[in-house]
């Protein structure tokens, strides 16, 4: 199960993100999204768990919890909306 993690500190690394979620189970991947041009964090990322129950426990415990002075937003990741091709 893939989780969206928002409102991250801009100094947080992929390893920090993985460590924050490792207490809840086996993390298969943890990735902070960065700007292509500046390589700076965009303040959100994704964490993937193999086990759904572990992912749900992480959501329950970490959503709204303060980490590095910021209240995390943690929920199940949703697929991106399809792009419309620029028409209005």
PDB file of N, CA and C in Angstrom:
ATOM      1  N   UNK A   1       0.860  -1.183   0.000  1.00  0.00           N
ATOM      2  CA  UNK A   1       0.000   0.000   0.000  1.00  0.00           C
ATOM      3  C   UNK A   1       0.897   1.234   0.000  1.00  0.00           C
ATOM      4  N   UNK A   2       0.590   2.161  -0.887  1.00  0.00           N
ATOM      5  CA  UNK A   2       1.394   3.368  -1.020  1.00  0.00           C
ATOM      6  C   UNK A   2       0.734   4.513  -0.251  1.00  0.00           C
ATOM      7  N   UNK A   3       1.554   5.241   0.521  1.00  0.00           N
ATOM      8  CA  UNK A   3       1.060   6.363   1.311  1.00  0.00           C
ATOM      9  C   UNK A   3       1.612   7.677   0.786  1.00  0.00           C
ATOM     10  N   UNK A   4       0.774   8.703   0.805  1.00  0.00           N
ATOM     11  CA  UNK A   4       1.202  10.071   0.531  1.00  0.00           C
ATOM     12  C   UNK A   4       1.581  10.681   1.869  1.00  0.00           C
ATOM     13  N   UNK A   5       2.715  11.365   1.920  1.00  0.00           N
ATOM     14  CA  UNK A   5       3.158  12.035   3.143  1.00  0.00           C
ATOM     15  C   UNK A   5       3.428  13.489   2.782  1.00  0.00           C
ATOM     16  N   UNK A   6       2.642  14.395   3.342  1.00  0.00           N
ATOM     17  CA  UNK A   6       2.775  15.810   3.023  1.00  0.00           C
ATOM     18  C   UNK A   6       3.226  16.638   4.208  1.00  0.00           C
ATOM     19  N   UNK A   7       3.565  17.894   3.922  1.00  0.00           N
ATOM     20  CA  UNK A   7       4.018  18.877   4.905  1.00  0.00           C
ATOM     21  C   UNK A   7       5.341  18.458   5.549  1.00  0.00           C
ATOM     22  N   UNK A   8       6.222  17.858   4.750  1.00  0.00           N
ATOM     23  CA  UNK A   8       7.529  17.437   5.252  1.00  0.00           C
ATOM     24  C   UNK A   8       8.472  18.629   5.368  1.00  0.00           C
ATOM     25  N   UNK A   9       9.401  18.529   6.293  1.00  0.00           N
ATOM     26  CA  UNK A   9      10.468  19.515   6.404  1.00  0.00           C
ATOM     27  C   UNK A   9      11.298  19.456   5.123  1.00  0.00           C
ATOM     28  N   UNK A  10      11.745  20.611   4.639  1.00  0.00           N
ATOM     29  CA  UNK A  10      12.530  20.643   3.404  1.00  0.00           C
ATOM     30  C   UNK A  10      13.925  20.040   3.590  1.00  0.00           C
ATOM     31  N   UNK A  11      14.352  19.846   4.840  1.00  0.00           N
ATOM     32  CA  UNK A  11      15.655  19.243   5.113  1.00  0.00           C
ATOM     33  C   UNK A  11      15.582  17.719   5.228  1.00  0.00           C
ATOM     34  N   UNK A  12      14.387  17.157   5.259  1.00  0.00           N
ATOM     35  CA  UNK A  12      14.232  15.708   5.437  1.00  0.00           C
ATOM     36  C   UNK A  12      14.749  14.961   4.207  1.00  0.00           C
ATOM     37  N   UNK A  13      15.419  13.825   4.452  1.00  0.00           N
ATOM     38  CA  UNK A  13      15.948  12.997   3.364  1.00  0.00           C
ATOM     39  C   UNK A  13      15.093  11.741   3.204  1.00  0.00           C
ATOM     40  N   UNK A  14      15.340  11.002   2.127  1.00  0.00           N
ATOM     41  CA  UNK A  14      14.645   9.728   1.915  1.00  0.00           C
ATOM     42  C   UNK A  14      14.880   8.794   3.101  1.00  0.00           C
ATOM     43  N   UNK A  15      16.128   8.767   3.602  1.00  0.00           N
ATOM     44  CA  UNK A  15      16.469   7.893   4.736  1.00  0.00           C
ATOM     45  C   UNK A  15      15.712   8.308   5.996  1.00  0.00           C
ATOM     46  N   UNK A  16      15.568   9.622   6.229  1.00  0.00           N
ATOM     47  CA  UNK A  16      14.807  10.115   7.388  1.00  0.00           C
ATOM     48  C   UNK A  16      13.346   9.691   7.277  1.00  0.00           C
ATOM     49  N   UNK A  17      12.806   9.799   6.081  1.00  0.00           N
ATOM     50  CA  UNK A  17      11.408   9.433   5.846  1.00  0.00           C
ATOM     51  C   UNK A  17      11.202   7.946   6.109  1.00  0.00           C
ATOM     52  N   UNK A  18      12.101   7.130   5.601  1.00  0.00           N
ATOM     53  CA  UNK A  18      12.007   5.684   5.823  1.00  0.00           C
ATOM     54  C   UNK A  18      12.107   5.362   7.307  1.00  0.00           C
ATOM     55  N   UNK A  19      13.028   6.022   8.016  1.00  0.00           N
ATOM     56  CA  UNK A  19      13.210   5.772   9.449  1.00  0.00           C
ATOM     57  C   UNK A  19      11.956   6.134  10.240  1.00  0.00           C
ATOM     58  N   UNK A  20      11.270   7.208   9.847  1.00  0.00           N
ATOM     59  CA  UNK A  20      10.061   7.638  10.553  1.00  0.00           C
ATOM     60  C   UNK A  20       8.942   6.602  10.442  1.00  0.00           C
ATOM     61  N   UNK A  21       8.926   5.848   9.346  1.00  0.00           N
ATOM     62  CA  UNK A  21       7.860   4.873   9.115  1.00  0.00           C
ATOM     63  C   UNK A  21       8.261   3.440   9.441  1.00  0.00           C
ATOM     64  N   UNK A  22       9.543   3.176   9.616  1.00  0.00           N
ATOM     65  CA  UNK A  22      10.041   1.810   9.838  1.00  0.00           C
ATOM     66  C   UNK A  22       9.492   1.181  11.112  1.00  0.00           C
ATOM     67  N   UNK A  23       9.117   1.994  12.094  1.00  0.00           N
ATOM     68  CA  UNK A  23       8.580   1.464  13.352  1.00  0.00           C
ATOM     69  C   UNK A  23       7.258   0.717  13.138  1.00  0.00           C
ATOM     70  N   UNK A  24       6.600   0.952  12.008  1.00  0.00           N
ATOM     71  CA  UNK A  24       5.286   0.350  11.761  1.00  0.00           C
ATOM     72  C   UNK A  24       5.354  -0.916  10.922  1.00  0.00           C
ATOM     73  N   UNK A  25       6.528  -1.214  10.370  1.00  0.00           N
ATOM     74  CA  UNK A  25       6.677  -2.432   9.579  1.00  0.00           C
ATOM     75  C   UNK A  25       7.708  -2.271   8.488  1.00  0.00           C
ATOM     76  N   UNK A  26       7.722  -3.241   7.581  1.00  0.00           N
ATOM     77  CA  UNK A  26       8.705  -3.261   6.493  1.00  0.00           C
ATOM     78  C   UNK A  26       8.334  -2.235   5.418  1.00  0.00           C
ATOM     79  N   UNK A  27       9.191  -1.233   5.267  1.00  0.00           N
ATOM     80  CA  UNK A  27       8.998  -0.199   4.247  1.00  0.00           C
ATOM     81  C   UNK A  27       9.664  -0.677   2.962  1.00  0.00           C
ATOM     82  N   UNK A  28       8.891  -0.809   1.869  1.00  0.00           N
ATOM     83  CA  UNK A  28       9.505  -1.246   0.616  1.00  0.00           C
ATOM     84  C   UNK A  28      10.159  -0.098  -0.132  1.00  0.00           C
ATOM     85  N   UNK A  29       9.642   1.132   0.047  1.00  0.00           N
ATOM     86  CA  UNK A  29      10.295   2.295  -0.555  1.00  0.00           C
ATOM     87  C   UNK A  29       9.847   3.563   0.160  1.00  0.00           C
ATOM     88  N   UNK A  30      10.736   4.553   0.149  1.00  0.00           N
ATOM     89  CA  UNK A  30      10.443   5.867   0.721  1.00  0.00           C
ATOM     90  C   UNK A  30      11.127   6.895  -0.167  1.00  0.00           C
ATOM     91  N   UNK A  31      10.359   7.817  -0.726  1.00  0.00           N
ATOM     92  CA  UNK A  31      10.914   8.770  -1.681  1.00  0.00           C
ATOM     93  C   UNK A  31      10.316  10.147  -1.464  1.00  0.00           C
ATOM     94  N   UNK A  32      11.198  11.137  -1.287  1.00  0.00           N
ATOM     95  CA  UNK A  32      10.771  12.530  -1.211  1.00  0.00           C
ATOM     96  C   UNK A  32      10.841  13.099  -2.624  1.00  0.00           C
ATOM     97  N   UNK A  33       9.795  13.786  -3.032  1.00  0.00           N
ATOM     98  CA  UNK A  33       9.729  14.350  -4.377  1.00  0.00           C
ATOM     99  C   UNK A  33      10.507  15.664  -4.397  1.00  0.00           C
ATOM    100  N   UNK A  34      11.373  15.802  -5.407  1.00  0.00           N
ATOM    101  CA  UNK A  34      12.209  17.001  -5.512  1.00  0.00           C
ATOM    102  C   UNK A  34      11.932  17.726  -6.827  1.00  0.00           C
ATOM    103  N   UNK A  35      12.231  19.011  -6.827  1.00  0.00           N
ATOM    104  CA  UNK A  35      12.105  19.830  -8.025  1.00  0.00           C
ATOM    105  C   UNK A  35      13.173  19.397  -9.033  1.00  0.00           C
ATOM    106  N   UNK A  36      12.795  19.201 -10.276  1.00  0.00           N
ATOM    107  CA  UNK A  36      13.745  18.732 -11.297  1.00  0.00           C
ATOM    108  C   UNK A  36      14.905  19.695 -11.507  1.00  0.00           C
ATOM    109  N   UNK A  37      14.621  20.985 -11.483  1.00  0.00           N
ATOM    110  CA  UNK A  37      15.650  21.973 -11.799  1.00  0.00           C
ATOM    111  C   UNK A  37      16.543  22.304 -10.612  1.00  0.00           C
ATOM    112  N   UNK A  38      15.950  22.469  -9.437  1.00  0.00           N
ATOM    113  CA  UNK A  38      16.747  22.891  -8.275  1.00  0.00           C
ATOM    114  C   UNK A  38      17.174  21.721  -7.400  1.00  0.00           C
ATOM    115  N   UNK A  39      16.549  20.565  -7.583  1.00  0.00           N
ATOM    116  CA  UNK A  39      16.812  19.368  -6.772  1.00  0.00           C
ATOM    117  C   UNK A  39      16.444  19.557  -5.300  1.00  0.00           C
ATOM    118  N   UNK A  40      15.635  20.587  -5.001  1.00  0.00           N
ATOM    119  CA  UNK A  40      15.171  20.818  -3.628  1.00  0.00           C
ATOM    120  C   UNK A  40      13.870  20.071  -3.393  1.00  0.00           C
ATOM    121  N   UNK A  41      13.655  19.694  -2.131  1.00  0.00           N
ATOM    122  CA  UNK A  41      12.437  18.985  -1.751  1.00  0.00           C
ATOM    123  C   UNK A  41      11.209  19.840  -2.044  1.00  0.00           C
ATOM    124  N   UNK A  42      10.139  19.181  -2.485  1.00  0.00           N
ATOM    125  CA  UNK A  42       8.864  19.872  -2.680  1.00  0.00           C
ATOM    126  C   UNK A  42       7.999  19.792  -1.427  1.00  0.00           C
ATOM    127  N   UNK A  43       8.512  19.138  -0.374  1.00  0.00           N
ATOM    128  CA  UNK A  43       7.779  19.077   0.891  1.00  0.00           C
ATOM    129  C   UNK A  43       6.783  17.935   0.994  1.00  0.00           C
ATOM    130  N   UNK A  44       6.850  16.986   0.050  1.00  0.00           N
ATOM    131  CA  UNK A  44       5.992  15.806   0.160  1.00  0.00           C
ATOM    132  C   UNK A  44       6.711  14.605  -0.437  1.00  0.00           C
ATOM    133  N   UNK A  45       6.180  13.430  -0.126  1.00  0.00           N
ATOM    134  CA  UNK A  45       6.800  12.215  -0.641  1.00  0.00           C
ATOM    135  C   UNK A  45       5.849  11.040  -0.532  1.00  0.00           C
ATOM    136  N   UNK A  46       6.379   9.861  -0.789  1.00  0.00           N
ATOM    137  CA  UNK A  46       5.586   8.639  -0.765  1.00  0.00           C
ATOM    138  C   UNK A  46       6.343   7.548  -0.026  1.00  0.00           C
ATOM    139  N   UNK A  47       5.600   6.763   0.740  1.00  0.00           N
ATOM    140  CA  UNK A  47       6.160   5.616   1.450  1.00  0.00           C
ATOM    141  C   UNK A  47       5.315   4.415   1.068  1.00  0.00           C
ATOM    142  N   UNK A  48       5.976   3.304   0.774  1.00  0.00           N
ATOM    143  CA  UNK A  48       5.243   2.105   0.380  1.00  0.00           C
ATOM    144  C   UNK A  48       5.513   0.975   1.363  1.00  0.00           C
ATOM    145  N   UNK A  49       4.417   0.361   1.821  1.00  0.00           N
ATOM    146  CA  UNK A  49       4.475  -0.799   2.708  1.00  0.00           C
ATOM    147  C   UNK A  49       3.982  -2.015   1.942  1.00  0.00           C
ATOM    148  N   UNK A  50       4.554  -3.174   2.240  1.00  0.00           N
ATOM    149  CA  UNK A  50       4.069  -4.416   1.626  1.00  0.00           C
ATOM    150  C   UNK A  50       2.739  -4.825   2.258  1.00  0.00           C
ATOM    151  N   UNK A  51       2.613  -4.578   3.573  1.00  0.00           N
ATOM    152  CA  UNK A  51       1.448  -5.034   4.327  1.00  0.00           C
ATOM    153  C   UNK A  51       0.468  -3.881   4.567  1.00  0.00           C
ATOM    154  N   UNK A  52      -0.778  -4.066   4.161  1.00  0.00           N
ATOM    155  CA  UNK A  52      -1.795  -3.013   4.299  1.00  0.00           C
ATOM    156  C   UNK A  52      -2.040  -2.629   5.762  1.00  0.00           C
ATOM    157  N   UNK A  53      -2.063  -3.616   6.664  1.00  0.00           N
ATOM    158  CA  UNK A  53      -2.322  -3.334   8.083  1.00  0.00           C
ATOM    159  C   UNK A  53      -1.224  -2.446   8.668  1.00  0.00           C
ATOM    160  N   UNK A  54       0.023  -2.674   8.266  1.00  0.00           N
ATOM    161  CA  UNK A  54       1.130  -1.838   8.744  1.00  0.00           C
ATOM    162  C   UNK A  54       0.980  -0.413   8.222  1.00  0.00           C
ATOM    163  N   UNK A  55       0.585  -0.278   6.968  1.00  0.00           N
ATOM    164  CA  UNK A  55       0.388   1.045   6.373  1.00  0.00           C
ATOM    165  C   UNK A  55      -0.736   1.792   7.086  1.00  0.00           C
ATOM    166  N   UNK A  56      -1.828   1.089   7.385  1.00  0.00           N
ATOM    167  CA  UNK A  56      -2.950   1.728   8.074  1.00  0.00           C
ATOM    168  C   UNK A  56      -2.560   2.147   9.487  1.00  0.00           C
ATOM    169  N   UNK A  57      -1.717   1.350  10.159  1.00  0.00           N
ATOM    170  CA  UNK A  57      -1.233   1.717  11.497  1.00  0.00           C
ATOM    171  C   UNK A  57      -0.375   2.981  11.416  1.00  0.00           C
ATOM    172  N   UNK A  58       0.426   3.103  10.366  1.00  0.00           N
ATOM    173  CA  UNK A  58       1.261   4.291  10.180  1.00  0.00           C
ATOM    174  C   UNK A  58       0.392   5.529   9.957  1.00  0.00           C
ATOM    175  N   UNK A  59      -0.673   5.389   9.166  1.00  0.00           N
ATOM    176  CA  UNK A  59      -1.589   6.512   8.935  1.00  0.00           C
ATOM    177  C   UNK A  59      -2.202   6.952  10.262  1.00  0.00           C
ATOM    178  N   UNK A  60      -2.716   5.984  11.029  1.00  0.00           N
ATOM    179  CA  UNK A  60      -3.354   6.288  12.321  1.00  0.00           C
ATOM    180  C   UNK A  60      -2.408   7.033  13.258  1.00  0.00           C
ATOM    181  N   UNK A  61      -1.162   6.581  13.320  1.00  0.00           N
ATOM    182  CA  UNK A  61      -0.213   7.142  14.283  1.00  0.00           C
ATOM    183  C   UNK A  61       0.445   8.436  13.826  1.00  0.00           C
ATOM    184  N   UNK A  62       0.729   8.565  12.537  1.00  0.00           N
ATOM    185  CA  UNK A  62       1.541   9.696  12.078  1.00  0.00           C
ATOM    186  C   UNK A  62       0.758  10.845  11.454  1.00  0.00           C
ATOM    187  N   UNK A  63      -0.485  10.625  11.024  1.00  0.00           N
ATOM    188  CA  UNK A  63      -1.254  11.724  10.444  1.00  0.00           C
ATOM    189  C   UNK A  63      -1.504  12.777  11.519  1.00  0.00           C
ATOM    190  N   UNK A  64      -1.029  13.997  11.277  1.00  0.00           N
ATOM    191  CA  UNK A  64      -1.186  15.083  12.239  1.00  0.00           C
ATOM    192  C   UNK A  64      -0.069  15.173  13.262  1.00  0.00           C
ATOM    193  N   UNK A  65       0.816  14.175  13.296  1.00  0.00           N
ATOM    194  CA  UNK A  65       1.915  14.180  14.263  1.00  0.00           C
ATOM    195  C   UNK A  65       2.994  15.163  13.825  1.00  0.00           C
ATOM    196  N   UNK A  66       3.566  15.874  14.798  1.00  0.00           N
ATOM    197  CA  UNK A  66       4.602  16.844  14.485  1.00  0.00           C
ATOM    198  C   UNK A  66       5.956  16.157  14.348  1.00  0.00           C
ATOM    199  N   UNK A  67       6.597  16.372  13.206  1.00  0.00           N
ATOM    200  CA  UNK A  67       7.938  15.855  12.938  1.00  0.00           C
ATOM    201  C   UNK A  67       8.760  17.015  12.389  1.00  0.00           C
ATOM    202  N   UNK A  68       9.884  17.300  13.017  1.00  0.00           N
ATOM    203  CA  UNK A  68      10.749  18.423  12.622  1.00  0.00           C
ATOM    204  C   UNK A  68       9.972  19.742  12.595  1.00  0.00           C
ATOM    205  N   UNK A  69       9.074  19.915  13.566  1.00  0.00           N
ATOM    206  CA  UNK A  69       8.333  21.163  13.693  1.00  0.00           C
ATOM    207  C   UNK A  69       7.159  21.322  12.742  1.00  0.00           C
ATOM    208  N   UNK A  70       6.814  20.272  12.003  1.00  0.00           N
ATOM    209  CA  UNK A  70       5.697  20.365  11.054  1.00  0.00           C
ATOM    210  C   UNK A  70       4.744  19.200  11.252  1.00  0.00           C
ATOM    211  N   UNK A  71       3.439  19.479  11.208  1.00  0.00           N
ATOM    212  CA  UNK A  71       2.423  18.436  11.374  1.00  0.00           C
ATOM    213  C   UNK A  71       2.277  17.681  10.055  1.00  0.00           C
ATOM    214  N   UNK A  72       2.583  16.390  10.076  1.00  0.00           N
ATOM    215  CA  UNK A  72       2.521  15.575   8.862  1.00  0.00           C
ATOM    216  C   UNK A  72       1.086  15.346   8.403  1.00  0.00           C
ATOM    217  N   UNK A  73       0.916  15.217   7.102  1.00  0.00           N
ATOM    218  CA  UNK A  73      -0.345  14.792   6.499  1.00  0.00           C
ATOM    219  C   UNK A  73      -0.044  13.430   5.879  1.00  0.00           C
ATOM    220  N   UNK A  74      -0.693  12.387   6.397  1.00  0.00           N
ATOM    221  CA  UNK A  74      -0.434  11.028   5.903  1.00  0.00           C
ATOM    222  C   UNK A  74      -1.761  10.383   5.519  1.00  0.00           C
ATOM    223  N   UNK A  75      -1.866   9.935   4.273  1.00  0.00           N
ATOM    224  CA  UNK A  75      -3.053   9.211   3.837  1.00  0.00           C
ATOM    225  C   UNK A  75      -2.696   8.282   2.681  1.00  0.00           C
ATOM    226  N   UNK A  76      -3.663   7.467   2.278  1.00  0.00           N
ATOM    227  CA  UNK A  76      -3.414   6.544   1.177  1.00  0.00           C
ATOM    228  C   UNK A  76      -3.224   7.342  -0.107  1.00  0.00           C
ATOM    229  N   UNK A  77      -2.174   7.011  -0.847  1.00  0.00           N
ATOM    230  CA  UNK A  77      -1.895   7.718  -2.101  1.00  0.00           C
ATOM    231  C   UNK A  77      -2.967   7.375  -3.122  1.00  0.00           C
ATOM    232  N   UNK A  78      -3.403   8.396  -3.840  1.00  0.00           N
ATOM    233  CA  UNK A  78      -4.376   8.194  -4.905  1.00  0.00           C
ATOM    234  C   UNK A  78      -3.666   8.383  -6.243  1.00  0.00           C
ATOM    235  N   UNK A  79      -4.102   7.674  -7.276  1.00  0.00           N
ATOM    236  CA  UNK A  79      -3.451   7.856  -8.584  1.00  0.00           C
ATOM    237  C   UNK A  79      -3.674   9.280  -9.087  1.00  0.00           C
ATOM    238  N   UNK A  80      -2.720   9.821  -9.839  1.00  0.00           N
ATOM    239  CA  UNK A  80      -2.889  11.192 -10.344  1.00  0.00           C
ATOM    240  C   UNK A  80      -4.065  11.276 -11.310  1.00  0.00           C
ATOM    241  N   UNK A  81      -4.687  12.451 -11.355  1.00  0.00           N
ATOM    242  CA  UNK A  81      -5.799  12.657 -12.285  1.00  0.00           C
ATOM    243  C   UNK A  81      -5.246  12.693 -13.708  1.00  0.00           C
ATOM    244  N   UNK A  82      -5.991  12.150 -14.660  1.00  0.00           N
ATOM    245  CA  UNK A  82      -5.502  12.191 -16.048  1.00  0.00           C
ATOM    246  C   UNK A  82      -5.426  13.630 -16.552  1.00  0.00           C
ATOM    247  N   UNK A  83      -4.425  13.905 -17.341  1.00  0.00           N
ATOM    248  CA  UNK A  83      -4.272  15.255 -17.904  1.00  0.00           C
ATOM    249  C   UNK A  83      -5.212  15.417 -19.090  1.00  0.00           C
ATOM    250  N   UNK A  84      -5.731  16.629 -19.253  1.00  0.00           N
ATOM    251  CA  UNK A  84      -6.744  16.856 -20.283  1.00  0.00           C
ATOM    252  C   UNK A  84      -6.167  17.354 -21.598  1.00  0.00           C
ATOM    253  N   UNK A  85      -4.895  17.612 -21.664  1.00  0.00           N
ATOM    254  CA  UNK A  85      -4.302  18.067 -22.914  1.00  0.00           C
ATOM    255  C   UNK A  85      -4.352  19.566 -23.109  1.00  0.00           C
ATOM    256  N   UNK A  86      -4.657  20.324 -22.061  1.00  0.00           N
ATOM    257  CA  UNK A  86      -4.604  21.775 -22.126  1.00  0.00           C
ATOM    258  C   UNK A  86      -5.860  22.466 -22.616  1.00  0.00           C
ATOM    259  N   UNK A  87      -6.914  21.736 -22.910  1.00  0.00           N
ATOM    260  CA  UNK A  87      -8.160  22.379 -23.351  1.00  0.00           C
ATOM    261  C   UNK A  87      -8.959  22.820 -22.134  1.00  0.00           C
ATOM    262  N   UNK A  88      -9.723  23.876 -22.334  1.00  0.00           N
ATOM    263  CA  UNK A  88     -10.544  24.392 -21.234  1.00  0.00           C
ATOM    264  C   UNK A  88     -11.957  23.922 -21.347  1.00  0.00           C
TER     265      UNK A  88
END
